C-alpha atoms as a PDB file:
ATOM      1  CA  MET A   1     -32.850  37.329  -1.581  1.00  0.00           C
ATOM      2  CA  ALA A   2     -31.867  34.791  -3.228  1.00  0.00           C
ATOM      3  CA  GLU A   3     -31.270  34.615  -7.392  1.00  0.00           C
ATOM      4  CA  PHE A   4     -33.263  31.889  -9.350  1.00  0.00           C
ATOM      5  CA  GLN A   5     -35.711  31.405 -12.578  1.00  0.00           C
ATOM      6  CA  LEU A   6     -38.125  29.763 -12.955  1.00  0.00           C
ATOM      7  CA  GLU A   7     -38.450  27.047 -15.771  1.00  0.00           C
ATOM      8  CA  VAL A   8     -41.829  26.260 -16.501  1.00  0.00           C
ATOM      9  CA  GLU A   9     -42.353  22.420 -17.369  1.00  0.00           C
ATOM     10  CA  TYR A  10     -45.626  20.550 -18.653  1.00  0.00           C
ATOM     11  CA  VAL A  11     -47.285  18.007 -16.234  1.00  0.00           C
ATOM     12  CA  ASP A  12     -50.233  15.205 -16.341  1.00  0.00           C
ATOM     13  CA  PRO A  13     -52.350  17.582 -13.999  1.00  0.00           C
ATOM     14  CA  ASN A  14     -53.988  14.692 -12.290  1.00  0.00           C
ATOM     15  CA  ILE A  15     -50.238  13.675 -11.001  1.00  0.00           C
ATOM     16  CA  ILE A  16     -50.161  16.660  -9.152  1.00  0.00           C
ATOM     17  CA  LYS A  17     -50.489  16.550  -5.434  1.00  0.00           C
ATOM     18  CA  ALA A  18     -53.500  19.459  -4.112  1.00  0.00           C
ATOM     19  CA  TYR A  19     -52.739  20.592  -0.588  1.00  0.00           C
ATOM     20  CA  GLU A  20     -54.611  18.915   1.960  1.00  0.00           C
ATOM     21  CA  ARG A  21     -55.038  22.416   4.502  1.00  0.00           C
ATOM     22  CA  ASN A  22     -55.374  25.058   1.108  1.00  0.00           C
ATOM     23  CA  ALA A  23     -57.864  27.410   3.230  1.00  0.00           C
ATOM     24  CA  LYS A  24     -59.011  28.838  -0.678  1.00  0.00           C
ATOM     25  CA  LEU A  25     -62.119  28.236  -1.562  1.00  0.00           C
ATOM     26  CA  HIS A  26     -62.714  27.215  -4.706  1.00  0.00           C
ATOM     27  CA  PRO A  27     -66.759  26.744  -5.523  1.00  0.00           C
ATOM     28  CA  GLN A  28     -67.892  24.979  -8.973  1.00  0.00           C
ATOM     29  CA  TYR A  29     -69.204  28.289 -10.275  1.00  0.00           C
ATOM     30  CA  GLN A  30     -65.306  29.526 -10.269  1.00  0.00           C
ATOM     31  CA  ILE A  31     -63.706  26.307 -11.523  1.00  0.00           C
ATOM     32  CA  GLU A  32     -66.369  27.091 -14.755  1.00  0.00           C
ATOM     33  CA  GLN A  33     -64.838  30.825 -15.202  1.00  0.00           C
ATOM     34  CA  ILE A  34     -61.125  29.324 -15.018  1.00  0.00           C
ATOM     35  CA  LYS A  35     -62.567  26.552 -17.907  1.00  0.00           C
ATOM     36  CA  GLU A  36     -64.209  29.570 -19.965  1.00  0.00           C
ATOM     37  CA  SER A  37     -60.864  31.442 -19.693  1.00  0.00           C
ATOM     38  CA  ILE A  38     -58.682  28.309 -20.713  1.00  0.00           C
ATOM     39  CA  ARG A  39     -60.991  28.138 -23.319  1.00  0.00           C
ATOM     40  CA  ARG A  40     -61.340  31.239 -24.754  1.00  0.00           C
ATOM     41  CA  PHE A  41     -57.449  32.651 -23.547  1.00  0.00           C
ATOM     42  CA  GLY A  42     -55.638  29.605 -22.939  1.00  0.00           C
ATOM     43  CA  PHE A  43     -53.561  28.195 -20.444  1.00  0.00           C
ATOM     44  CA  ARG A  44     -51.578  30.932 -19.803  1.00  0.00           C
ATOM     45  CA  ASP A  45     -50.713  31.267 -15.943  1.00  0.00           C
ATOM     46  CA  PRO A  46     -48.927  27.992 -14.902  1.00  0.00           C
ATOM     47  CA  VAL A  47     -49.371  26.171 -11.858  1.00  0.00           C
ATOM     48  CA  ALA A  48     -46.676  26.635  -8.464  1.00  0.00           C
ATOM     49  CA  LEU A  49     -45.343  23.113  -7.127  1.00  0.00           C
ATOM     50  CA  TRP A  50     -43.398  22.416  -4.056  1.00  0.00           C
ATOM     51  CA  HIS A  51     -42.334  18.665  -4.693  1.00  0.00           C
ATOM     52  CA  ASN A  52     -45.106  18.010  -6.779  1.00  0.00           C
ATOM     53  CA  GLU A  53     -47.972  19.796  -3.890  1.00  0.00           C
ATOM     54  CA  ILE A  54     -49.619  22.389  -5.157  1.00  0.00           C
ATOM     55  CA  VAL A  55     -48.991  26.036  -3.396  1.00  0.00           C
ATOM     56  CA  GLU A  56     -51.045  28.448  -5.757  1.00  0.00           C
ATOM     57  CA  GLY A  57     -52.896  27.263  -8.791  1.00  0.00           C
ATOM     58  CA  HIS A  58     -55.606  24.285  -7.076  1.00  0.00           C
ATOM     59  CA  GLY A  59     -58.650  26.321  -9.152  1.00  0.00           C
ATOM     60  CA  ARG A  60     -56.705  25.602 -12.632  1.00  0.00           C
ATOM     61  CA  GLN A  61     -55.992  22.598 -11.645  1.00  0.00           C
ATOM     62  CA  GLN A  62     -59.259  21.058 -11.096  1.00  0.00           C
ATOM     63  CA  ALA A  63     -60.023  23.028 -14.232  1.00  0.00           C
ATOM     64  CA  ALA A  64     -57.806  21.167 -16.450  1.00  0.00           C
ATOM     65  CA  ILE A  65     -58.366  18.072 -14.643  1.00  0.00           C
ATOM     66  CA  GLN A  66     -62.396  18.277 -15.532  1.00  0.00           C
ATOM     67  CA  MET A  67     -61.413  19.609 -19.473  1.00  0.00           C
ATOM     68  CA  GLY A  68     -59.344  16.687 -19.657  1.00  0.00           C
ATOM     69  CA  LEU A  69     -56.372  18.309 -20.081  1.00  0.00           C
ATOM     70  CA  THR A  70     -53.288  16.060 -20.053  1.00  0.00           C
ATOM     71  CA  ALA A  71     -50.675  18.653 -19.381  1.00  0.00           C
ATOM     72  CA  ILE A  72     -50.374  21.939 -17.695  1.00  0.00           C
ATOM     73  CA  PRO A  73     -47.953  24.102 -17.572  1.00  0.00           C
ATOM     74  CA  VAL A  74     -46.006  24.407 -14.173  1.00  0.00           C
ATOM     75  CA  VAL A  75     -43.209  25.557 -11.970  1.00  0.00           C
ATOM     76  CA  ARG A  76     -41.433  24.432  -9.183  1.00  0.00           C
ATOM     77  CA  LEU A  77     -40.822  26.318  -6.044  1.00  0.00           C
ATOM     78  CA  ASP A  78     -38.596  23.524  -4.461  1.00  0.00           C
ATOM     79  CA  ASP A  79     -36.082  26.063  -3.113  1.00  0.00           C
ATOM     80  CA  MET A  80     -38.974  27.069  -0.814  1.00  0.00           C
ATOM     81  CA  SER A  81     -38.534  26.384   3.278  1.00  0.00           C
ATOM     82  CA  ASP A  82     -41.730  24.767   3.936  1.00  0.00           C
ATOM     83  CA  GLU A  83     -42.662  27.317   6.128  1.00  0.00           C
ATOM     84  CA  ASP A  84     -42.055  29.506   3.391  1.00  0.00           C
ATOM     85  CA  ARG A  85     -44.049  27.857   0.827  1.00  0.00           C
ATOM     86  CA  ARG A  86     -47.456  27.528   3.422  1.00  0.00           C
ATOM     87  CA  ALA A  87     -46.765  31.483   4.153  1.00  0.00           C
ATOM     88  CA  TYR A  88     -46.403  32.093   0.302  1.00  0.00           C
ATOM     89  CA  MET A  89     -49.716  30.225  -0.418  1.00  0.00           C
ATOM     90  CA  LEU A  90     -51.310  32.766   2.355  1.00  0.00           C
ATOM     91  CA  VAL A  91     -49.475  35.583   0.759  1.00  0.00           C
ATOM     92  CA  HIS A  92     -50.589  35.045  -2.518  1.00  0.00           C
ATOM     93  CA  ASN A  93     -54.225  34.535  -2.216  1.00  0.00           C
ATOM     94  CA  GLN A  94     -54.722  37.214   0.116  1.00  0.00           C
ATOM     95  CA  THR A  95     -52.683  40.284  -1.553  1.00  0.00           C
ATOM     96  CA  THR A  96     -54.659  39.420  -5.010  1.00  0.00           C
ATOM     97  CA  MET A  97     -57.851  40.429  -2.622  1.00  0.00           C
ATOM     98  CA  ASN A  98     -56.410  43.353  -0.481  1.00  0.00           C
ATOM     99  CA  SER A  99     -57.393  45.682  -3.623  1.00  0.00           C
ATOM    100  CA  GLY A 100     -60.138  46.478  -5.458  1.00  0.00           C
ATOM    101  CA  TRP A 101     -60.936  48.102  -9.393  1.00  0.00           C
ATOM    102  CA  ASP A 102     -61.038  51.724 -10.059  1.00  0.00           C
ATOM    103  CA  GLU A 103     -64.354  51.330 -11.162  1.00  0.00           C
ATOM    104  CA  GLU A 104     -64.580  54.823 -13.534  1.00  0.00           C
ATOM    105  CA  LEU A 105     -61.348  52.778 -15.854  1.00  0.00           C
ATOM    106  CA  LEU A 106     -62.830  49.120 -15.252  1.00  0.00           C
ATOM    107  CA  ASP A 107     -66.096  50.428 -16.688  1.00  0.00           C
ATOM    108  CA  ILE A 108     -64.319  51.899 -19.860  1.00  0.00           C
ATOM    109  CA  GLU A 109     -62.235  49.101 -20.238  1.00  0.00           C
ATOM    110  CA  LEU A 110     -65.660  46.888 -20.500  1.00  0.00           C
ATOM    111  CA  GLY A 111     -66.784  49.093 -22.701  1.00  0.00           C
ATOM    112  CA  ASP A 112     -63.909  48.768 -25.277  1.00  0.00           C
ATOM    113  CA  ILE A 113     -64.184  44.865 -25.219  1.00  0.00           C
ATOM    114  CA  ASP A 114     -67.045  43.793 -27.713  1.00  0.00           C
ATOM    115  CA  ASP A 115     -66.484  40.520 -28.798  1.00  0.00           C
ATOM    116  CA  ILE A 116     -66.028  38.305 -25.317  1.00  0.00           C
ATOM    117  CA  ASP A 117     -69.012  38.435 -23.161  1.00  0.00           C
ATOM    118  CA  MET A 118     -67.486  39.192 -19.901  1.00  0.00           C
ATOM    119  CA  SER A 119     -70.624  38.132 -17.533  1.00  0.00           C
ATOM    120  CA  VAL A 120     -69.566  35.044 -17.422  1.00  0.00           C
ATOM    121  CA  PHE A 121     -66.166  35.847 -15.388  1.00  0.00           C
ATOM    122  CA  GLY A 122     -68.342  37.485 -13.101  1.00  0.00           C
ATOM    123  CA  PHE A 123     -67.598  41.124 -14.349  1.00  0.00           C
ATOM    124  CA  ASP A 124     -71.442  43.683 -14.338  1.00  0.00           C
ATOM    125  CA  THR A 125     -71.490  44.555 -17.971  1.00  0.00           C
ATOM    126  CA  GLY A 126     -74.408  47.012 -17.540  1.00  0.00           C
ATOM    127  CA  GLU A 127     -76.017  45.395 -21.050  1.00  0.00           C
ATOM    128  CA  ASP A 128     -78.936  48.259 -20.262  1.00  0.00           C
ATOM    129  CA  ASP A 129     -79.214  50.821 -22.971  1.00  0.00           C
ATOM    130  CA  GLU A 130     -78.486  53.792 -20.862  1.00  0.00           C
ATOM    131  CA  ASN A 131     -79.871  56.345 -23.408  1.00  0.00           C
ATOM    132  CA  GLU A 132     -83.187  54.502 -23.114  1.00  0.00           C
ATOM    133  CA  ILE A 133     -82.859  54.878 -19.318  1.00  0.00           C
ATOM    134  CA  GLU A 134     -82.440  58.278 -19.224  1.00  0.00           C
ATOM    135  CA  GLN A 135     -85.922  58.713 -21.334  1.00  0.00           C
ATOM    136  CA  GLU A 136     -87.941  56.550 -19.388  1.00  0.00           C
ATOM    137  CA  VAL A 137     -89.532  56.216 -15.727  1.00  0.00           C
ATOM    138  CA  GLU A 138     -88.422  52.313 -14.956  1.00  0.00           C
ATOM    139  CA  VAL A 139     -91.375  50.938 -12.697  1.00  0.00           C
ATOM    140  CA  GLU A 140     -91.194  47.417 -10.777  1.00  0.00           C
ATOM    141  CA  LYS A 141     -93.607  45.403 -11.298  1.00  0.00           C
ATOM    142  CA  LYS A 142     -94.160  41.515  -9.731  1.00  0.00           C
ATOM    143  CA  VAL A 143     -94.007  39.340 -12.960  1.00  0.00           C
ATOM    144  CA  GLU A 144     -95.050  36.090 -12.035  1.00  0.00           C
ATOM    145  CA  GLY A 145     -93.328  32.978 -13.676  1.00  0.00           C
ATOM    146  CA  ASP A 146     -90.506  35.147 -14.370  1.00  0.00           C
ATOM    147  CA  ILE A 147     -89.028  35.263 -11.218  1.00  0.00           C
ATOM    148  CA  LYS A 148     -88.762  32.429  -8.862  1.00  0.00           C
ATOM    149  CA  PHE A 149     -86.236  33.530  -6.065  1.00  0.00           C
ATOM    150  CA  THR A 150     -86.216  37.330  -5.809  1.00  0.00           C
ATOM    151  CA  GLU A 151     -89.055  39.112  -4.153  1.00  0.00           C
ATOM    152  CA  TYR A 152     -90.110  42.375  -2.716  1.00  0.00           C
ATOM    153  CA  VAL A 153     -89.465  43.944   0.550  1.00  0.00           C
ATOM    154  CA  ASP A 154     -92.808  44.139   2.394  1.00  0.00           C
ATOM    155  CA  GLU A 155     -93.821  45.480   5.987  1.00  0.00           C
ATOM    156  CA  VAL A 156     -94.700  41.969   7.809  1.00  0.00           C
ATOM    157  CA  SER A 157     -91.858  39.859   7.182  1.00  0.00           C
ATOM    158  CA  GLN A 158     -88.498  40.218   9.059  1.00  0.00           C
ATOM    159  CA  TYR A 159     -84.719  40.452   7.418  1.00  0.00           C
ATOM    160  CA  VAL A 160     -81.231  40.602   7.843  1.00  0.00           C
ATOM    161  CA  VAL A 161     -78.934  42.167   5.845  1.00  0.00           C
ATOM    162  CA  LEU A 162     -75.529  40.167   4.916  1.00  0.00           C
ATOM    163  CA  LYS A 163     -72.533  42.188   3.998  1.00  0.00           C
ATOM    164  CA  PHE A 164     -69.857  41.001   1.844  1.00  0.00           C
ATOM    165  CA  ARG A 165     -66.483  42.589   1.533  1.00  0.00           C
ATOM    166  CA  THR A 166     -64.934  41.325  -1.619  1.00  0.00           C
ATOM    167  CA  GLN A 167     -65.924  40.510  -4.773  1.00  0.00           C
ATOM    168  CA  SER A 168     -65.133  36.972  -4.625  1.00  0.00           C
ATOM    169  CA  ASP A 169     -67.676  36.260  -1.778  1.00  0.00           C
ATOM    170  CA  TRP A 170     -70.260  38.081  -3.507  1.00  0.00           C
ATOM    171  CA  ASN A 171     -69.665  36.052  -6.450  1.00  0.00           C
ATOM    172  CA  PHE A 172     -69.925  33.272  -4.505  1.00  0.00           C
ATOM    173  CA  ILE A 173     -73.142  33.860  -2.364  1.00  0.00           C
ATOM    174  CA  ASN A 174     -74.903  35.246  -5.629  1.00  0.00           C
ATOM    175  CA  ASN A 175     -74.335  31.507  -7.209  1.00  0.00           C
ATOM    176  CA  VAL A 176     -75.290  29.907  -4.708  1.00  0.00           C
ATOM    177  CA  LEU A 177     -78.316  31.793  -4.030  1.00  0.00           C
ATOM    178  CA  GLN A 178     -78.966  32.075  -7.644  1.00  0.00           C
ATOM    179  CA  LEU A 179     -79.916  35.633  -7.619  1.00  0.00           C
ATOM    180  CA  GLN A 180     -81.689  36.749 -10.870  1.00  0.00           C
ATOM    181  CA  THR A 181     -82.198  39.986 -12.518  1.00  0.00           C
ATOM    182  CA  VAL A 182     -85.412  41.583 -11.344  1.00  0.00           C
ATOM    183  CA  LYS A 183     -87.747  41.843 -14.601  1.00  0.00           C
ATOM    184  CA  GLY A 184     -89.755  45.032 -14.827  1.00  0.00           C
ATOM    185  CA  PHE A 185     -92.405  47.064 -17.256  1.00  0.00           C
ATOM    186  CA  SER A 186     -90.286  50.143 -18.511  1.00  0.00           C
ATOM    187  CA  THR A 187     -92.880  53.152 -18.335  1.00  0.00           C
ATOM    188  CA  ARG A 188     -92.645  56.381 -20.077  1.00  0.00           C
ATOM    189  CA  ARG A 189     -93.387  59.771 -18.489  1.00  0.00           C
ATOM    190  CA  ASP A 190     -96.457  59.612 -20.656  1.00  0.00           C
ATOM    191  CA  GLY A 191     -97.441  56.170 -18.710  1.00  0.00           C
ATOM    192  CA  ARG A 192     -97.596  54.333 -21.749  1.00  0.00           C
ATOM    193  CA  GLU A 193     -95.983  50.548 -21.111  1.00  0.00           C
ATOM    194  CA  ASN A 194     -92.960  50.124 -23.328  1.00  0.00           C
ATOM    195  CA  GLY A 195     -92.269  46.158 -22.384  1.00  0.00           C
ATOM    196  CA  MET A 196     -89.684  44.212 -20.197  1.00  0.00           C
ATOM    197  CA  ILE A 197     -86.374  45.361 -18.908  1.00  0.00           C
ATOM    198  CA  ALA A 198     -84.058  44.297 -16.895  1.00  0.00           C
ATOM    199  CA  HIS A 199     -83.892  46.194 -13.543  1.00  0.00           C
ATOM    200  CA  GLY A 200     -80.891  45.296 -11.707  1.00  0.00           C
ATOM    201  CA  LEU A 201     -80.289  42.385  -9.650  1.00  0.00           C
ATOM    202  CA  GLY A 202     -82.860  40.809  -6.930  1.00  0.00           C
ATOM    203  CA  ARG A 203     -81.440  40.724  -3.361  1.00  0.00           C
ATOM    204  CA  VAL A 204     -85.130  40.133  -1.562  1.00  0.00           C
ATOM    205  CA  VAL A 205     -84.774  36.340  -1.213  1.00  0.00           C
ATOM    206  CA  ASP A 206     -86.621  33.949   1.020  1.00  0.00           C
ATOM    207  CA  GLY A 207     -84.833  33.645   4.180  1.00  0.00           C
ATOM    208  CA  MET A 208     -85.344  29.683   4.819  1.00  0.00           C
ATOM    209  CA  THR A 209     -84.734  28.778   1.131  1.00  0.00           C
ATOM    210  CA  ALA A 210     -81.771  30.974   1.638  1.00  0.00           C
ATOM    211  CA  VAL A 211     -80.544  29.051   4.390  1.00  0.00           C
ATOM    212  CA  LYS A 212     -81.054  25.652   2.859  1.00  0.00           C
ATOM    213  CA  LYS A 213     -79.221  26.595   0.225  1.00  0.00           C
ATOM    214  CA  ILE A 214     -76.273  27.761   1.331  1.00  0.00           C
ATOM    215  CA  ILE A 215     -76.655  24.971   4.149  1.00  0.00           C
ATOM    216  CA  ALA A 216     -76.491  22.293   0.938  1.00  0.00           C
ATOM    217  CA  ASN A 217     -73.678  23.941  -0.584  1.00  0.00           C
ATOM    218  CA  HIS A 218     -71.336  24.218   2.329  1.00  0.00           C
ATOM    219  CA  GLU A 219     -72.133  20.150   2.765  1.00  0.00           C
ATOM    220  CA  ASP A 220     -71.154  20.103  -0.790  1.00  0.00           C
ATOM    221  CA  MET A 221     -67.713  21.881  -0.461  1.00  0.00           C
ATOM    222  CA  GLU A 222     -67.091  20.222   3.176  1.00  0.00           C
ATOM    223  CA  ILE A 223     -66.382  23.654   4.341  1.00  0.00           C
ATOM    224  CA  ASP A 224     -65.388  23.584   8.041  1.00  0.00           C
ATOM    225  CA  ALA A 225     -68.130  25.424  10.437  1.00  0.00           C
END
């Protein structure tokens, strides 16, 4: 392997060329997360370019443009062959999706972060008070007007289950379908109602409404079928 050193320089994101065959999706909800990351932590991850064309960093470029940034950090990979840079683009994205989280350690880390709302970046922060949950029996009741897109399973409708293998895919469909936290009444063991609580993410949605939302998002993003 040839030795080389990456040098960071700053360029206008508007003059960088996006790779027209970039296969990695960057829906707007993810761009918003990237923008929030840049606002909170700064632009810490340079965009990689091959002869001024993006190899990795399409989402960061779009976020920078939307934020009105006039200079972002980049590194140049011009030493790569055309085939190498196209392969590296796929490998760079795929290897980040080839493993998940250690859920126990992740919960510990999230629990130790107090001043940053990590749910903005797609993390499930579990805001329910665990002690309160242990003391109560939670009973779901449909609350009219509170949940517009979450419904309950009944015995007469037809259902299909969609399985998403990666967190990024789940975040994507979650945003498209606008899934909301189910609200329910918390009831103590003595039967007394104890007000409204969050009761998990509702995943039962009207089929045709979901199809229309998926089609609308499909067309907006110009994804090939």
